[in-house]
Amino acid sequence: MSVKFWLSTTEVIELTGAKSRAKQLKVLEHLGYSYRVRPDGTFIVPVEQFTMTKQKEYAMDFNALG
């Protein structure tokens, strides 16, 4: 099983609705998504910002109060 760290090119196009790099970056910024620019000028969009983490549920224990 491989771990996926960033969106594929196709997924970025689907998310942004744009094919050009400049438009994709503009849409990502407008939507508030983070991205990282590589030294060669290409960019990646980390997937962890799209995964929802389940909040920990807490329960009160009043047994010690008598």
N, C-alpha and C. Protein backbone atom coordinates (compact mmCIF):
# COMPACT_ATOMS: atom_id res chain seq x y z
N MET A 1 0.84 -1.18 0.00
CA MET A 1 0.00 0.00 0.00
C MET A 1 0.88 1.24 0.00
N SER A 2 0.66 2.13 -0.94
CA SER A 2 1.47 3.34 -1.00
C SER A 2 0.74 4.48 -0.31
N VAL A 3 1.53 5.33 0.31
CA VAL A 3 0.99 6.49 1.00
C VAL A 3 1.01 7.66 0.03
N LYS A 4 -0.08 8.38 -0.03
CA LYS A 4 -0.18 9.51 -0.95
C LYS A 4 0.05 10.80 -0.16
N PHE A 5 1.02 11.60 -0.61
CA PHE A 5 1.37 12.82 0.10
C PHE A 5 0.83 14.09 -0.55
N TRP A 6 0.57 14.06 -1.86
CA TRP A 6 0.07 15.25 -2.53
C TRP A 6 -0.91 14.87 -3.64
N LEU A 7 -1.68 15.86 -4.08
CA LEU A 7 -2.65 15.63 -5.14
C LEU A 7 -1.95 15.40 -6.47
N SER A 8 -2.55 14.59 -7.30
CA SER A 8 -2.01 14.39 -8.64
C SER A 8 -2.36 15.60 -9.50
N THR A 9 -1.74 15.69 -10.67
CA THR A 9 -2.02 16.78 -11.60
C THR A 9 -3.50 16.80 -11.97
N THR A 10 -4.07 15.64 -12.22
CA THR A 10 -5.49 15.54 -12.56
C THR A 10 -6.37 16.03 -11.41
N GLU A 11 -6.02 15.67 -10.20
CA GLU A 11 -6.79 16.10 -9.03
C GLU A 11 -6.72 17.61 -8.83
N VAL A 12 -5.57 18.21 -9.09
CA VAL A 12 -5.44 19.66 -8.98
C VAL A 12 -6.32 20.35 -10.01
N ILE A 13 -6.36 19.81 -11.22
CA ILE A 13 -7.22 20.36 -12.27
C ILE A 13 -8.68 20.25 -11.87
N GLU A 14 -9.07 19.09 -11.32
CA GLU A 14 -10.45 18.89 -10.88
C GLU A 14 -10.81 19.84 -9.74
N LEU A 15 -9.90 20.02 -8.79
CA LEU A 15 -10.15 20.88 -7.63
C LEU A 15 -10.27 22.34 -8.03
N THR A 16 -9.38 22.79 -8.90
CA THR A 16 -9.33 24.21 -9.24
C THR A 16 -10.19 24.57 -10.45
N GLY A 17 -10.45 23.60 -11.32
CA GLY A 17 -11.18 23.89 -12.56
C GLY A 17 -10.32 24.62 -13.57
N ALA A 18 -9.01 24.61 -13.36
CA ALA A 18 -8.10 25.34 -14.24
C ALA A 18 -6.97 24.42 -14.70
N LYS A 19 -6.49 24.66 -15.91
CA LYS A 19 -5.38 23.86 -16.43
C LYS A 19 -4.05 24.59 -16.34
N SER A 20 -4.05 25.90 -16.37
CA SER A 20 -2.78 26.63 -16.31
C SER A 20 -2.31 26.74 -14.86
N ARG A 21 -1.01 26.68 -14.69
CA ARG A 21 -0.39 26.72 -13.37
C ARG A 21 -0.77 28.00 -12.63
N ALA A 22 -0.70 29.13 -13.29
CA ALA A 22 -0.99 30.42 -12.65
C ALA A 22 -2.43 30.47 -12.14
N LYS A 23 -3.36 30.00 -12.94
CA LYS A 23 -4.76 30.00 -12.53
C LYS A 23 -5.00 29.02 -11.38
N GLN A 24 -4.34 27.87 -11.44
CA GLN A 24 -4.48 26.90 -10.37
C GLN A 24 -4.02 27.49 -9.04
N LEU A 25 -2.86 28.14 -9.04
CA LEU A 25 -2.34 28.74 -7.82
C LEU A 25 -3.26 29.83 -7.30
N LYS A 26 -3.82 30.62 -8.21
CA LYS A 26 -4.74 31.69 -7.82
C LYS A 26 -5.99 31.10 -7.15
N VAL A 27 -6.53 30.03 -7.72
CA VAL A 27 -7.72 29.39 -7.14
C VAL A 27 -7.39 28.77 -5.78
N LEU A 28 -6.25 28.09 -5.68
CA LEU A 28 -5.85 27.49 -4.41
C LEU A 28 -5.72 28.54 -3.32
N GLU A 29 -5.12 29.67 -3.65
CA GLU A 29 -4.98 30.77 -2.68
C GLU A 29 -6.35 31.31 -2.29
N HIS A 30 -7.22 31.49 -3.27
CA HIS A 30 -8.56 32.02 -3.00
C HIS A 30 -9.35 31.09 -2.09
N LEU A 31 -9.21 29.79 -2.30
CA LEU A 31 -9.94 28.80 -1.49
C LEU A 31 -9.28 28.55 -0.13
N GLY A 32 -8.06 29.04 0.05
CA GLY A 32 -7.38 28.88 1.33
C GLY A 32 -6.61 27.59 1.49
N TYR A 33 -6.37 26.89 0.38
CA TYR A 33 -5.60 25.65 0.45
C TYR A 33 -4.11 25.96 0.38
N SER A 34 -3.32 25.15 1.08
CA SER A 34 -1.88 25.37 1.05
C SER A 34 -1.25 24.57 -0.09
N TYR A 35 -0.12 25.04 -0.54
CA TYR A 35 0.66 24.35 -1.56
C TYR A 35 2.12 24.68 -1.32
N ARG A 36 2.98 23.87 -1.88
CA ARG A 36 4.43 24.07 -1.74
C ARG A 36 5.03 24.15 -3.13
N VAL A 37 5.94 25.11 -3.33
CA VAL A 37 6.61 25.28 -4.61
C VAL A 37 7.96 24.58 -4.55
N ARG A 38 8.21 23.73 -5.52
CA ARG A 38 9.48 23.01 -5.62
C ARG A 38 10.55 23.94 -6.21
N PRO A 39 11.83 23.57 -6.06
CA PRO A 39 12.90 24.40 -6.62
C PRO A 39 12.80 24.61 -8.13
N ASP A 40 12.17 23.65 -8.83
CA ASP A 40 12.07 23.80 -10.29
C ASP A 40 10.87 24.65 -10.71
N GLY A 41 10.10 25.16 -9.73
CA GLY A 41 8.96 26.02 -10.03
C GLY A 41 7.62 25.31 -10.06
N THR A 42 7.63 23.98 -10.10
CA THR A 42 6.37 23.25 -10.04
C THR A 42 5.86 23.28 -8.60
N PHE A 43 4.62 22.88 -8.40
CA PHE A 43 4.08 22.92 -7.05
C PHE A 43 3.36 21.62 -6.70
N ILE A 44 3.21 21.41 -5.40
CA ILE A 44 2.47 20.26 -4.90
C ILE A 44 1.41 20.76 -3.92
N VAL A 45 0.32 20.02 -3.83
CA VAL A 45 -0.76 20.34 -2.90
C VAL A 45 -0.85 19.18 -1.91
N PRO A 46 -0.43 19.39 -0.66
CA PRO A 46 -0.47 18.31 0.32
C PRO A 46 -1.89 17.81 0.57
N VAL A 47 -2.04 16.49 0.70
CA VAL A 47 -3.38 15.90 0.87
C VAL A 47 -3.88 15.97 2.31
N GLU A 48 -3.01 16.14 3.29
CA GLU A 48 -3.46 16.10 4.68
C GLU A 48 -4.48 17.19 5.00
N GLN A 49 -4.49 18.26 4.22
CA GLN A 49 -5.47 19.32 4.47
C GLN A 49 -6.88 18.94 4.03
N PHE A 50 -7.00 17.83 3.30
CA PHE A 50 -8.31 17.38 2.83
C PHE A 50 -8.87 16.22 3.65
N THR A 51 -8.07 15.68 4.56
CA THR A 51 -8.55 14.57 5.38
C THR A 51 -9.16 15.12 6.65
N MET A 52 -10.29 14.59 7.01
CA MET A 52 -10.97 15.03 8.22
C MET A 52 -10.57 14.12 9.36
N THR A 53 -10.12 14.71 10.43
CA THR A 53 -9.78 13.92 11.60
C THR A 53 -10.96 13.94 12.56
N LYS A 54 -11.23 12.80 13.13
CA LYS A 54 -12.34 12.70 14.06
C LYS A 54 -11.91 13.29 15.39
N GLN A 55 -12.73 14.19 15.91
CA GLN A 55 -12.43 14.78 17.21
C GLN A 55 -12.59 13.73 18.30
N LYS A 56 -11.72 13.84 19.28
CA LYS A 56 -11.80 12.92 20.41
C LYS A 56 -13.05 13.23 21.21
N GLU A 57 -13.78 12.19 21.57
CA GLU A 57 -15.00 12.37 22.35
C GLU A 57 -14.68 12.19 23.83
N TYR A 58 -15.24 13.06 24.64
CA TYR A 58 -15.03 13.01 26.08
C TYR A 58 -16.35 12.69 26.76
N ALA A 59 -16.25 11.97 27.88
CA ALA A 59 -17.43 11.65 28.66
C ALA A 59 -17.16 12.02 30.12
N MET A 60 -18.13 12.62 30.74
CA MET A 60 -18.00 13.02 32.15
C MET A 60 -18.26 11.79 33.03
N ASP A 61 -17.45 11.65 34.07
CA ASP A 61 -17.61 10.55 35.01
C ASP A 61 -17.90 11.15 36.38
N PHE A 62 -19.15 11.05 36.82
CA PHE A 62 -19.56 11.64 38.10
C PHE A 62 -19.62 10.60 39.22
N ASN A 63 -19.09 9.42 38.99
CA ASN A 63 -19.14 8.33 39.99
C ASN A 63 -18.43 8.71 41.29
N ALA A 64 -17.39 9.48 41.24
CA ALA A 64 -16.62 9.82 42.44
C ALA A 64 -17.35 10.83 43.32
N LEU A 65 -18.38 11.46 42.82
CA LEU A 65 -19.09 12.48 43.61
C LEU A 65 -20.07 11.88 44.62
N GLY A 66 -20.30 10.61 44.52
CA GLY A 66 -21.13 9.95 45.52
C GLY A 66 -22.51 9.82 45.11
